[in-house]
C-alpha atoms as a PDB file:
ATOM      1  CA  MET A   1      42.588 -24.888  36.345  1.00  0.00           C
ATOM      2  CA  ALA A   2      38.909 -25.503  35.689  1.00  0.00           C
ATOM      3  CA  LYS A   3      37.382 -28.572  35.961  1.00  0.00           C
ATOM      4  CA  ILE A   4      34.940 -29.908  33.293  1.00  0.00           C
ATOM      5  CA  ALA A   5      32.421 -32.806  34.134  1.00  0.00           C
ATOM      6  CA  VAL A   6      30.661 -34.369  30.864  1.00  0.00           C
ATOM      7  CA  LEU A   7      28.184 -36.309  32.277  1.00  0.00           C
ATOM      8  CA  GLY A   8      26.729 -38.754  29.482  1.00  0.00           C
ATOM      9  CA  ALA A   9      28.879 -40.854  27.519  1.00  0.00           C
ATOM     10  CA  GLY A  10      26.728 -41.476  24.481  1.00  0.00           C
ATOM     11  CA  GLY A  11      28.149 -40.317  21.138  1.00  0.00           C
ATOM     12  CA  TRP A  12      27.942 -36.400  21.913  1.00  0.00           C
ATOM     13  CA  GLY A  13      29.056 -36.587  25.582  1.00  0.00           C
ATOM     14  CA  THR A  14      31.995 -38.963  24.363  1.00  0.00           C
ATOM     15  CA  ALA A  15      32.988 -36.755  21.522  1.00  0.00           C
ATOM     16  CA  LEU A  16      32.983 -33.185  23.883  1.00  0.00           C
ATOM     17  CA  ALA A  17      34.953 -34.825  26.336  1.00  0.00           C
ATOM     18  CA  SER A  18      37.212 -36.275  23.967  1.00  0.00           C
ATOM     19  CA  MET A  19      37.750 -32.903  22.291  1.00  0.00           C
ATOM     20  CA  LEU A  20      37.987 -30.622  25.007  1.00  0.00           C
ATOM     21  CA  HIS A  21      40.617 -32.859  26.651  1.00  0.00           C
ATOM     22  CA  GLN A  22      42.875 -32.485  23.370  1.00  0.00           C
ATOM     23  CA  HIS A  23      42.770 -28.954  23.778  1.00  0.00           C
ATOM     24  CA  ALA A  24      44.172 -29.038  27.145  1.00  0.00           C
ATOM     25  CA  ARG A  25      41.005 -29.102  29.122  1.00  0.00           C
ATOM     26  CA  SER A  26      40.826 -30.704  32.710  1.00  0.00           C
ATOM     27  CA  VAL A  27      38.095 -33.124  31.632  1.00  0.00           C
ATOM     28  CA  VAL A  28      35.825 -36.433  33.266  1.00  0.00           C
ATOM     29  CA  LEU A  29      33.645 -38.511  31.398  1.00  0.00           C
ATOM     30  CA  TRP A  30      31.034 -40.149  33.328  1.00  0.00           C
ATOM     31  CA  ALA A  31      29.112 -43.237  32.149  1.00  0.00           C
ATOM     32  CA  ARG A  32      26.253 -44.357  33.932  1.00  0.00           C
ATOM     33  CA  ARG A  33      26.967 -47.879  33.931  1.00  0.00           C
ATOM     34  CA  PRO A  34      29.917 -49.635  35.172  1.00  0.00           C
ATOM     35  CA  GLU A  35      30.417 -52.359  32.740  1.00  0.00           C
ATOM     36  CA  PHE A  36      30.147 -49.701  29.807  1.00  0.00           C
ATOM     37  CA  THR A  37      32.508 -47.222  31.722  1.00  0.00           C
ATOM     38  CA  GLN A  38      35.102 -50.507  31.744  1.00  0.00           C
ATOM     39  CA  GLU A  39      34.825 -51.222  28.160  1.00  0.00           C
ATOM     40  CA  LEU A  40      35.582 -47.615  27.581  1.00  0.00           C
ATOM     41  CA  LEU A  41      38.630 -47.878  29.635  1.00  0.00           C
ATOM     42  CA  ASN A  42      39.798 -51.460  27.899  1.00  0.00           C
ATOM     43  CA  LEU A  43      38.905 -50.607  24.431  1.00  0.00           C
ATOM     44  CA  ARG A  44      39.750 -46.496  24.637  1.00  0.00           C
ATOM     45  CA  GLU A  45      37.004 -46.566  21.828  1.00  0.00           C
ATOM     46  CA  ASN A  46      33.259 -46.002  22.223  1.00  0.00           C
ATOM     47  CA  ARG A  47      32.174 -48.675  19.885  1.00  0.00           C
ATOM     48  CA  ASP A  48      28.581 -48.114  20.889  1.00  0.00           C
ATOM     49  CA  TYR A  49      27.560 -44.444  20.396  1.00  0.00           C
ATOM     50  CA  LEU A  50      31.083 -43.454  18.631  1.00  0.00           C
ATOM     51  CA  PRO A  51      32.911 -46.097  16.871  1.00  0.00           C
ATOM     52  CA  GLY A  52      36.148 -45.583  15.087  1.00  0.00           C
ATOM     53  CA  VAL A  53      37.386 -42.598  17.473  1.00  0.00           C
ATOM     54  CA  PRO A  54      39.992 -43.133  19.977  1.00  0.00           C
ATOM     55  CA  LEU A  55      40.118 -41.898  23.366  1.00  0.00           C
ATOM     56  CA  PRO A  56      42.565 -39.994  24.581  1.00  0.00           C
ATOM     57  CA  ASP A  57      44.837 -42.495  26.875  1.00  0.00           C
ATOM     58  CA  ASP A  58      44.699 -40.442  29.865  1.00  0.00           C
ATOM     59  CA  LEU A  59      40.942 -39.119  29.512  1.00  0.00           C
ATOM     60  CA  PRO A  60      39.597 -39.839  32.908  1.00  0.00           C
ATOM     61  CA  ILE A  61      36.474 -42.417  32.420  1.00  0.00           C
ATOM     62  CA  THR A  62      34.262 -43.071  35.421  1.00  0.00           C
ATOM     63  CA  SER A  63      31.112 -44.035  36.293  1.00  0.00           C
ATOM     64  CA  ASP A  64      31.047 -42.575  40.411  1.00  0.00           C
ATOM     65  CA  LEU A  65      29.280 -39.512  40.125  1.00  0.00           C
ATOM     66  CA  ASN A  66      30.858 -37.891  43.233  1.00  0.00           C
ATOM     67  CA  GLN A  67      34.287 -38.976  41.592  1.00  0.00           C
ATOM     68  CA  ALA A  68      32.995 -36.888  38.441  1.00  0.00           C
ATOM     69  CA  LEU A  69      31.693 -33.936  40.216  1.00  0.00           C
ATOM     70  CA  ASP A  70      34.634 -33.709  42.668  1.00  0.00           C
ATOM     71  CA  HIS A  71      35.827 -29.843  42.578  1.00  0.00           C
ATOM     72  CA  VAL A  72      33.852 -29.302  39.107  1.00  0.00           C
ATOM     73  CA  THR A  73      33.748 -25.886  37.467  1.00  0.00           C
ATOM     74  CA  LEU A  74      31.065 -26.956  34.785  1.00  0.00           C
ATOM     75  CA  ALA A  75      28.713 -29.860  34.486  1.00  0.00           C
ATOM     76  CA  LEU A  76      27.935 -30.739  30.815  1.00  0.00           C
ATOM     77  CA  VAL A  77      24.811 -32.874  30.990  1.00  0.00           C
ATOM     78  CA  VAL A  78      24.885 -35.209  27.854  1.00  0.00           C
ATOM     79  CA  VAL A  79      21.962 -37.736  28.188  1.00  0.00           C
ATOM     80  CA  PRO A  80      19.119 -38.362  26.391  1.00  0.00           C
ATOM     81  CA  SER A  81      16.171 -35.670  27.257  1.00  0.00           C
ATOM     82  CA  VAL A  82      14.443 -38.852  28.999  1.00  0.00           C
ATOM     83  CA  GLY A  83      17.026 -39.115  31.274  1.00  0.00           C
ATOM     84  CA  VAL A  84      17.972 -35.597  32.255  1.00  0.00           C
ATOM     85  CA  GLN A  85      15.676 -35.377  35.231  1.00  0.00           C
ATOM     86  CA  ASP A  86      16.783 -38.342  37.033  1.00  0.00           C
ATOM     87  CA  LEU A  87      20.280 -37.308  36.458  1.00  0.00           C
ATOM     88  CA  LEU A  88      19.822 -33.983  37.781  1.00  0.00           C
ATOM     89  CA  GLU A  89      18.386 -35.146  40.500  1.00  0.00           C
ATOM     90  CA  GLN A  90      21.579 -36.980  41.841  1.00  0.00           C
ATOM     91  CA  LEU A  91      23.621 -33.481  41.384  1.00  0.00           C
ATOM     92  CA  PRO A  92      23.853 -30.994  44.090  1.00  0.00           C
ATOM     93  CA  ARG A  93      21.864 -27.782  43.050  1.00  0.00           C
ATOM     94  CA  GLU A  94      25.094 -25.623  43.200  1.00  0.00           C
ATOM     95  CA  THR A  95      26.423 -27.338  40.694  1.00  0.00           C
ATOM     96  CA  PRO A  96      26.770 -24.768  37.571  1.00  0.00           C
ATOM     97  CA  ILE A  97      25.419 -26.769  34.679  1.00  0.00           C
ATOM     98  CA  VAL A  98      24.903 -26.895  30.979  1.00  0.00           C
ATOM     99  CA  LEU A  99      22.009 -29.041  29.462  1.00  0.00           C
ATOM    100  CA  CYS A 100      22.761 -30.610  25.969  1.00  0.00           C
ATOM    101  CA  ALA A 101      20.094 -32.583  25.235  1.00  0.00           C
ATOM    102  CA  LYS A 102      17.576 -31.652  22.474  1.00  0.00           C
ATOM    103  CA  GLY A 103      14.446 -32.688  23.621  1.00  0.00           C
ATOM    104  CA  LEU A 104      11.638 -31.933  26.497  1.00  0.00           C
ATOM    105  CA  GLY A 105      10.773 -33.261  29.737  1.00  0.00           C
ATOM    106  CA  ALA A 106       7.977 -35.604  30.447  1.00  0.00           C
ATOM    107  CA  GLY A 107       5.058 -33.214  30.415  1.00  0.00           C
ATOM    108  CA  GLY A 108       6.201 -31.078  27.596  1.00  0.00           C
ATOM    109  CA  GLU A 109       8.334 -28.745  29.228  1.00  0.00           C
ATOM    110  CA  ARG A 110      11.971 -27.320  28.418  1.00  0.00           C
ATOM    111  CA  LEU A 111      14.675 -28.886  30.346  1.00  0.00           C
ATOM    112  CA  SER A 112      15.895 -25.724  31.314  1.00  0.00           C
ATOM    113  CA  GLN A 113      12.360 -25.293  33.281  1.00  0.00           C
ATOM    114  CA  VAL A 114      12.893 -29.062  34.922  1.00  0.00           C
ATOM    115  CA  ALA A 115      16.022 -27.974  36.051  1.00  0.00           C
ATOM    116  CA  LEU A 116      14.884 -24.440  37.368  1.00  0.00           C
ATOM    117  CA  GLN A 117      12.213 -26.275  39.408  1.00  0.00           C
ATOM    118  CA  MET A 118      14.310 -28.782  41.177  1.00  0.00           C
ATOM    119  CA  GLY A 119      16.474 -25.588  42.366  1.00  0.00           C
ATOM    120  CA  PHE A 120      19.600 -25.206  39.865  1.00  0.00           C
ATOM    121  CA  LYS A 121      20.350 -21.617  39.793  1.00  0.00           C
ATOM    122  CA  THR A 122      23.362 -21.539  37.490  1.00  0.00           C
ATOM    123  CA  LEU A 123      22.308 -22.902  33.942  1.00  0.00           C
ATOM    124  CA  GLY A 124      22.643 -22.681  30.269  1.00  0.00           C
ATOM    125  CA  VAL A 125      21.719 -24.721  27.316  1.00  0.00           C
ATOM    126  CA  LEU A 126      24.265 -25.663  24.337  1.00  0.00           C
ATOM    127  CA  SER A 127      22.596 -26.251  20.801  1.00  0.00           C
ATOM    128  CA  GLY A 128      23.844 -26.064  17.206  1.00  0.00           C
ATOM    129  CA  PRO A 129      24.565 -28.166  14.107  1.00  0.00           C
ATOM    130  CA  ASN A 130      27.432 -30.170  15.994  1.00  0.00           C
ATOM    131  CA  HIS A 131      27.683 -33.708  14.744  1.00  0.00           C
ATOM    132  CA  ALA A 132      29.584 -35.626  17.273  1.00  0.00           C
ATOM    133  CA  GLU A 133      31.288 -37.736  14.315  1.00  0.00           C
ATOM    134  CA  GLU A 134      32.952 -34.499  13.006  1.00  0.00           C
ATOM    135  CA  VAL A 135      33.363 -32.556  16.302  1.00  0.00           C
ATOM    136  CA  SER A 136      35.337 -35.696  17.801  1.00  0.00           C
ATOM    137  CA  ARG A 137      37.873 -35.289  14.675  1.00  0.00           C
ATOM    138  CA  GLY A 138      38.329 -31.723  14.966  1.00  0.00           C
ATOM    139  CA  LEU A 139      36.350 -30.757  11.922  1.00  0.00           C
ATOM    140  CA  PRO A 140      35.670 -27.074  12.411  1.00  0.00           C
ATOM    141  CA  ALA A 141      31.828 -26.516  13.966  1.00  0.00           C
ATOM    142  CA  ALA A 142      30.030 -23.676  15.631  1.00  0.00           C
ATOM    143  CA  THR A 143      27.294 -24.022  18.548  1.00  0.00           C
ATOM    144  CA  VAL A 144      25.865 -21.414  20.939  1.00  0.00           C
ATOM    145  CA  VAL A 145      25.564 -21.501  24.676  1.00  0.00           C
ATOM    146  CA  ALA A 146      22.175 -19.796  25.926  1.00  0.00           C
ATOM    147  CA  SER A 147      21.988 -18.451  29.267  1.00  0.00           C
ATOM    148  CA  GLU A 148      19.609 -15.720  30.639  1.00  0.00           C
ATOM    149  CA  ASP A 149      22.874 -14.831  32.910  1.00  0.00           C
ATOM    150  CA  GLU A 150      24.855 -13.332  30.297  1.00  0.00           C
ATOM    151  CA  ASP A 151      28.072 -13.746  32.592  1.00  0.00           C
ATOM    152  CA  PHE A 152      27.622 -17.245  32.556  1.00  0.00           C
ATOM    153  CA  ALA A 153      27.184 -17.766  29.068  1.00  0.00           C
ATOM    154  CA  VAL A 154      30.721 -16.068  28.504  1.00  0.00           C
ATOM    155  CA  LEU A 155      31.913 -18.251  31.525  1.00  0.00           C
ATOM    156  CA  ALA A 156      30.640 -21.490  29.414  1.00  0.00           C
ATOM    157  CA  GLN A 157      32.011 -19.997  26.245  1.00  0.00           C
ATOM    158  CA  SER A 158      35.552 -19.492  27.764  1.00  0.00           C
ATOM    159  CA  PHE A 159      35.733 -23.444  28.911  1.00  0.00           C
ATOM    160  CA  LEU A 160      34.144 -24.836  25.668  1.00  0.00           C
ATOM    161  CA  MET A 161      35.545 -22.905  22.663  1.00  0.00           C
ATOM    162  CA  THR A 162      38.663 -24.360  20.739  1.00  0.00           C
ATOM    163  CA  PRO A 163      40.605 -23.782  17.970  1.00  0.00           C
ATOM    164  CA  SER A 164      37.993 -26.078  15.803  1.00  0.00           C
ATOM    165  CA  PHE A 165      34.650 -25.494  18.089  1.00  0.00           C
ATOM    166  CA  ARG A 166      33.309 -21.948  17.865  1.00  0.00           C
ATOM    167  CA  VAL A 167      31.072 -21.028  20.363  1.00  0.00           C
ATOM    168  CA  TYR A 168      28.801 -17.935  20.519  1.00  0.00           C
ATOM    169  CA  THR A 169      26.538 -16.800  23.449  1.00  0.00           C
ATOM    170  CA  SER A 170      23.108 -15.828  23.530  1.00  0.00           C
ATOM    171  CA  THR A 171      20.677 -14.570  26.203  1.00  0.00           C
ATOM    172  CA  ASP A 172      17.930 -16.202  24.263  1.00  0.00           C
ATOM    173  CA  LEU A 173      17.591 -19.589  26.441  1.00  0.00           C
ATOM    174  CA  VAL A 174      13.976 -20.075  25.195  1.00  0.00           C
ATOM    175  CA  GLY A 175      14.421 -19.721  21.587  1.00  0.00           C
ATOM    176  CA  VAL A 176      18.231 -21.510  21.594  1.00  0.00           C
ATOM    177  CA  GLU A 177      17.037 -24.660  23.356  1.00  0.00           C
ATOM    178  CA  LEU A 178      13.559 -24.991  21.521  1.00  0.00           C
ATOM    179  CA  GLY A 179      15.060 -24.479  18.257  1.00  0.00           C
ATOM    180  CA  GLY A 180      16.694 -27.379  18.642  1.00  0.00           C
ATOM    181  CA  VAL A 181      13.775 -29.941  19.822  1.00  0.00           C
ATOM    182  CA  LEU A 182      11.530 -28.776  16.924  1.00  0.00           C
ATOM    183  CA  LYS A 183      14.101 -29.276  14.484  1.00  0.00           C
ATOM    184  CA  ASN A 184      14.584 -32.738  15.360  1.00  0.00           C
ATOM    185  CA  VAL A 185      11.100 -33.245  14.134  1.00  0.00           C
ATOM    186  CA  ILE A 186      11.563 -31.876  10.879  1.00  0.00           C
ATOM    187  CA  ALA A 187      14.170 -34.245  10.674  1.00  0.00           C
ATOM    188  CA  VAL A 188      12.274 -37.388  10.785  1.00  0.00           C
ATOM    189  CA  ALA A 189      10.196 -35.451   8.027  1.00  0.00           C
ATOM    190  CA  ALA A 190      12.983 -34.842   6.005  1.00  0.00           C
ATOM    191  CA  GLY A 191      14.053 -38.655   6.364  1.00  0.00           C
ATOM    192  CA  LEU A 192      10.933 -39.418   5.024  1.00  0.00           C
ATOM    193  CA  VAL A 193      11.212 -37.399   1.794  1.00  0.00           C
ATOM    194  CA  ASP A 194      14.503 -38.937   1.182  1.00  0.00           C
ATOM    195  CA  GLY A 195      13.117 -42.483   2.124  1.00  0.00           C
ATOM    196  CA  LEU A 196      10.351 -42.002  -0.592  1.00  0.00           C
ATOM    197  CA  LYS A 197      12.759 -40.376  -2.898  1.00  0.00           C
ATOM    198  CA  LEU A 198      10.551 -37.331  -3.448  1.00  0.00           C
ATOM    199  CA  GLY A 199      13.184 -35.145  -4.600  1.00  0.00           C
ATOM    200  CA  ASP A 200      15.236 -32.123  -3.685  1.00  0.00           C
ATOM    201  CA  ASN A 201      12.633 -30.020  -4.383  1.00  0.00           C
ATOM    202  CA  ALA A 202      10.205 -31.047  -1.845  1.00  0.00           C
ATOM    203  CA  LYS A 203      12.990 -31.193   0.615  1.00  0.00           C
ATOM    204  CA  SER A 204      13.933 -27.825   0.063  1.00  0.00           C
ATOM    205  CA  ALA A 205      10.359 -26.963   0.478  1.00  0.00           C
ATOM    206  CA  LEU A 206      10.108 -28.691   3.495  1.00  0.00           C
ATOM    207  CA  MET A 207      12.994 -27.148   5.204  1.00  0.00           C
ATOM    208  CA  THR A 208      11.926 -23.592   4.229  1.00  0.00           C
ATOM    209  CA  ARG A 209       8.646 -24.009   5.369  1.00  0.00           C
ATOM    210  CA  ALA A 210       9.838 -25.629   8.686  1.00  0.00           C
ATOM    211  CA  LEU A 211      11.661 -22.479   9.370  1.00  0.00           C
ATOM    212  CA  LYS A 212       8.312 -20.861   9.779  1.00  0.00           C
ATOM    213  CA  GLU A 213       7.040 -23.552  11.752  1.00  0.00           C
ATOM    214  CA  MET A 214       9.553 -23.385  14.106  1.00  0.00           C
ATOM    215  CA  GLN A 215       9.245 -19.441  14.195  1.00  0.00           C
ATOM    216  CA  ARG A 216       5.679 -19.799  15.462  1.00  0.00           C
ATOM    217  CA  TYR A 217       6.413 -22.213  17.807  1.00  0.00           C
ATOM    218  CA  LEU A 218       9.508 -20.009  19.185  1.00  0.00           C
ATOM    219  CA  SER A 219       7.238 -16.904  19.008  1.00  0.00           C
ATOM    220  CA  ALA A 220       4.303 -18.471  20.832  1.00  0.00           C
ATOM    221  CA  GLN A 221       6.850 -19.359  23.756  1.00  0.00           C
ATOM    222  CA  GLY A 222       8.340 -15.973  24.060  1.00  0.00           C
ATOM    223  CA  ALA A 223      11.808 -16.249  22.656  1.00  0.00           C
ATOM    224  CA  ASP A 224      13.017 -14.143  20.087  1.00  0.00           C
ATOM    225  CA  GLU A 225      11.897 -14.832  16.483  1.00  0.00           C
ATOM    226  CA  ASP A 226      15.209 -14.230  14.788  1.00  0.00           C
ATOM    227  CA  THR A 227      16.890 -16.763  17.149  1.00  0.00           C
ATOM    228  CA  VAL A 228      15.478 -19.223  14.273  1.00  0.00           C
ATOM    229  CA  PHE A 229      18.038 -17.747  11.894  1.00  0.00           C
ATOM    230  CA  GLY A 230      20.942 -18.786  14.039  1.00  0.00           C
ATOM    231  CA  LEU A 231      23.152 -21.625  14.886  1.00  0.00           C
ATOM    232  CA  SER A 232      20.631 -23.319  16.950  1.00  0.00           C
ATOM    233  CA  GLY A 233      17.670 -22.984  14.573  1.00  0.00           C
ATOM    234  CA  LEU A 234      18.441 -22.432  10.703  1.00  0.00           C
ATOM    235  CA  GLY A 235      22.089 -23.895  11.238  1.00  0.00           C
ATOM    236  CA  ASP A 236      20.986 -27.100  13.202  1.00  0.00           C
ATOM    237  CA  LEU A 237      17.884 -27.337  11.343  1.00  0.00           C
ATOM    238  CA  ILE A 238      20.579 -27.674   7.772  1.00  0.00           C
ATOM    239  CA  ALA A 239      22.780 -30.106   9.427  1.00  0.00           C
ATOM    240  CA  THR A 240      20.161 -32.352  10.992  1.00  0.00           C
ATOM    241  CA  CYS A 241      17.915 -32.603   7.723  1.00  0.00           C
ATOM    242  CA  THR A 242      20.618 -33.238   5.358  1.00  0.00           C
ATOM    243  CA  SER A 243      23.240 -35.315   6.953  1.00  0.00           C
ATOM    244  CA  GLN A 244      24.443 -38.925   7.248  1.00  0.00           C
ATOM    245  CA  HIS A 245      24.997 -38.698  10.596  1.00  0.00           C
ATOM    246  CA  SER A 246      21.565 -37.489  11.573  1.00  0.00           C
ATOM    247  CA  ARG A 247      19.918 -40.408  13.710  1.00  0.00           C
ATOM    248  CA  ASN A 248      16.511 -38.392  13.414  1.00  0.00           C
ATOM    249  CA  ARG A 249      16.523 -38.187   9.259  1.00  0.00           C
ATOM    250  CA  ALA A 250      17.687 -41.683   9.462  1.00  0.00           C
ATOM    251  CA  ALA A 251      14.904 -42.554  11.595  1.00  0.00           C
ATOM    252  CA  GLY A 252      12.377 -40.873   8.895  1.00  0.00           C
ATOM    253  CA  GLU A 253      14.038 -42.644   6.155  1.00  0.00           C
ATOM    254  CA  LYS A 254      13.798 -46.207   7.669  1.00  0.00           C
ATOM    255  CA  LEU A 255       9.941 -45.223   8.691  1.00  0.00           C
ATOM    256  CA  ALA A 256       9.652 -45.071   4.668  1.00  0.00           C
ATOM    257  CA  GLN A 257      10.725 -48.027   4.056  1.00  0.00           C
ATOM    258  CA  GLY A 258       8.441 -49.948   6.317  1.00  0.00           C
ATOM    259  CA  GLN A 259      10.736 -50.357   9.335  1.00  0.00           C
ATOM    260  CA  ASP A 260      10.070 -48.871  12.816  1.00  0.00           C
ATOM    261  CA  PRO A 261      12.506 -46.569  14.060  1.00  0.00           C
ATOM    262  CA  ARG A 262      11.744 -47.076  17.485  1.00  0.00           C
ATOM    263  CA  GLN A 263      13.224 -50.418  17.848  1.00  0.00           C
ATOM    264  CA  GLY A 264      16.739 -49.768  17.627  1.00  0.00           C
ATOM    265  CA  GLY A 265      17.513 -49.098  21.386  1.00  0.00           C
ATOM    266  CA  LYS A 266      18.514 -45.863  20.857  1.00  0.00           C
ATOM    267  CA  ALA A 267      17.075 -42.242  21.750  1.00  0.00           C
ATOM    268  CA  ILE A 268      15.422 -40.749  18.707  1.00  0.00           C
ATOM    269  CA  GLU A 269      14.927 -37.605  20.102  1.00  0.00           C
ATOM    270  CA  GLY A 270      12.483 -36.474  16.794  1.00  0.00           C
ATOM    271  CA  ILE A 271       9.988 -39.030  17.509  1.00  0.00           C
ATOM    272  CA  ARG A 272       9.759 -38.558  21.314  1.00  0.00           C
ATOM    273  CA  SER A 273       9.513 -34.587  20.612  1.00  0.00           C
ATOM    274  CA  THR A 274       6.966 -35.143  17.823  1.00  0.00           C
ATOM    275  CA  TYR A 275       4.359 -36.621  20.759  1.00  0.00           C
ATOM    276  CA  LEU A 276       4.895 -33.884  23.090  1.00  0.00           C
ATOM    277  CA  LEU A 277       4.665 -31.230  20.354  1.00  0.00           C
ATOM    278  CA  HIS A 278       1.511 -32.819  19.273  1.00  0.00           C
ATOM    279  CA  GLU A 279      -0.117 -32.668  22.714  1.00  0.00           C
ATOM    280  CA  TRP A 280       1.239 -28.890  23.263  1.00  0.00           C
ATOM    281  CA  ALA A 281      -0.369 -27.701  19.816  1.00  0.00           C
ATOM    282  CA  GLN A 282      -3.685 -29.770  20.549  1.00  0.00           C
ATOM    283  CA  THR A 283      -3.705 -27.780  23.978  1.00  0.00           C
ATOM    284  CA  HIS A 284      -3.272 -24.205  22.794  1.00  0.00           C
ATOM    285  CA  HIS A 285      -4.695 -24.673  19.311  1.00  0.00           C
ATOM    286  CA  ALA A 286      -1.735 -23.848  17.583  1.00  0.00           C
ATOM    287  CA  ASP A 287      -0.788 -24.583  13.808  1.00  0.00           C
ATOM    288  CA  LEU A 288       2.708 -27.131  13.671  1.00  0.00           C
ATOM    289  CA  PRO A 289       1.248 -29.013  10.292  1.00  0.00           C
ATOM    290  CA  ILE A 290       4.718 -30.735   9.780  1.00  0.00           C
ATOM    291  CA  VAL A 291       4.782 -31.762  13.338  1.00  0.00           C
ATOM    292  CA  GLU A 292       0.902 -32.889  13.249  1.00  0.00           C
ATOM    293  CA  VAL A 293       1.687 -35.045   9.700  1.00  0.00           C
ATOM    294  CA  VAL A 294       4.435 -36.823  11.625  1.00  0.00           C
ATOM    295  CA  TYR A 295       2.689 -37.701  14.472  1.00  0.00           C
ATOM    296  CA  GLN A 296      -0.070 -38.745  11.800  1.00  0.00           C
ATOM    297  CA  ILE A 297       2.282 -41.179  10.358  1.00  0.00           C
ATOM    298  CA  LEU A 298       3.590 -42.704  12.923  1.00  0.00           C
ATOM    299  CA  GLU A 299       0.381 -43.518  14.368  1.00  0.00           C
ATOM    300  CA  ASN A 300      -0.369 -45.118  11.684  1.00  0.00           C
ATOM    301  CA  ARG A 301      -3.450 -43.085  11.182  1.00  0.00           C
ATOM    302  CA  ILE A 302      -2.637 -41.644   7.413  1.00  0.00           C
ATOM    303  CA  THR A 303      -0.267 -43.167   4.746  1.00  0.00           C
ATOM    304  CA  PHE A 304       2.669 -41.357   3.561  1.00  0.00           C
ATOM    305  CA  SER A 305       0.622 -40.225   0.352  1.00  0.00           C
ATOM    306  CA  GLN A 306      -1.997 -38.814   2.295  1.00  0.00           C
ATOM    307  CA  GLY A 307       0.416 -37.168   4.269  1.00  0.00           C
ATOM    308  CA  ILE A 308       1.888 -35.265   1.235  1.00  0.00           C
ATOM    309  CA  SER A 309      -1.694 -34.222   0.263  1.00  0.00           C
ATOM    310  CA  ILE A 310      -2.407 -32.734   3.316  1.00  0.00           C
ATOM    311  CA  LEU A 311       1.076 -30.428   3.039  1.00  0.00           C
ATOM    312  CA  MET A 312       0.416 -29.875  -0.456  1.00  0.00           C
ATOM    313  CA  GLY A 313      -3.599 -29.317  -0.019  1.00  0.00           C
ATOM    314  CA  ARG A 314      -3.265 -26.764   2.608  1.00  0.00           C
ATOM    315  CA  LYS A 315      -4.953 -23.355   1.947  1.00  0.00           C
ATOM    316  CA  ALA A 316      -2.992 -20.870  -0.754  1.00  0.00           C
ATOM    317  CA  ARG A 317      -1.352 -17.857   1.032  1.00  0.00           C
ATOM    318  CA  SER A 318       1.279 -15.561  -0.105  1.00  0.00           C
ATOM    319  CA  GLU A 319       4.822 -16.450   1.430  1.00  0.00           C
END
């Protein structure tokens, strides 16, 4: 039987490990900190990242990376983007990996580029409208596994697909990966709209125009523009901008209420990506207006009302 190592015991890693184990997959969940591993073993619940969801009694959990990787068929890398490179450095380069973080490397490069530069040959990315809180409870969900190696994408699909978790394949690695990055920034903006009580019309307009921004960004990176209308683009955008489970949307709402969401101790991918995308846009003279407004607000360079005026006052044009 194929063995799947889920590397990372945050909410998403815990949900994937639990869901796959319950559908008769051979799974091991790896947590970085031994004391946290022991807590998971004792409580059989991830109270820090996925409270209220019981873990199967026989789900293996370890902080020993060598043990987790022993005879592994597929490794799911499910740590925040800022920790991906450090974890990859500890993995044998022949390990088949699927990257599950929706963020960028330290220099703004795609995480798959980081992995390729480190010598990993067999890799893919997983992205879609997948909230851990729902997947872990067996609620229906769909996602995309993308790889430039179509055979590997199909193989990963066969390992990950269950009756409640529908997995599609794609060879547009770039588009699937980057859609998940930019939508997190848009979700922060959507949270600002919610926090400022600007209404449904404003939020709908924001999300719709965000698709165009995502499309421009994907095209500039060599991706298929149509990927933006799939699960990793539009699908994930809808979920992240509207759900009560969305950490990025909640961060924007806190920001609107005068709180600093970066003080919570948990990674907010949308905020980190805002800075990296702003830098990319400046370097490439790219037009990413929503990203730019979120960046300026985070830097306290403009007020919320000024940000709204900037977006509403852009040059009139056809849709």
